[in-house]
Amino acid sequence: MTSAQPDSDDDDGLEAAIDQAIAACGGDMRATIRALIVANEFLENEVSELMKAVSNAYARGRFKTYSG
């Protein structure tokens, strides 16, 4: 069974990433949140476009499935 608490190493990496994001925005928390929201929207759009492309390619027989 998995633990509900993240590993210490994962937590340290997350804390470091948080510190880097805040530092990149000059310590401004609102700017940090704004930047993260913009980045998240960009990534959501990328995923959506990739899913459409893969779906269209698969439907047209241009996408080969990986069987390991």
Foldseek 3Di string as FASTA:
>chain_A
DDDPDDDPVVVVVVVVVVVVLCVVVVNDPVVSVVVVVVVVVVVVVVVVVVVVVQVVCVVVVNDDDDPD
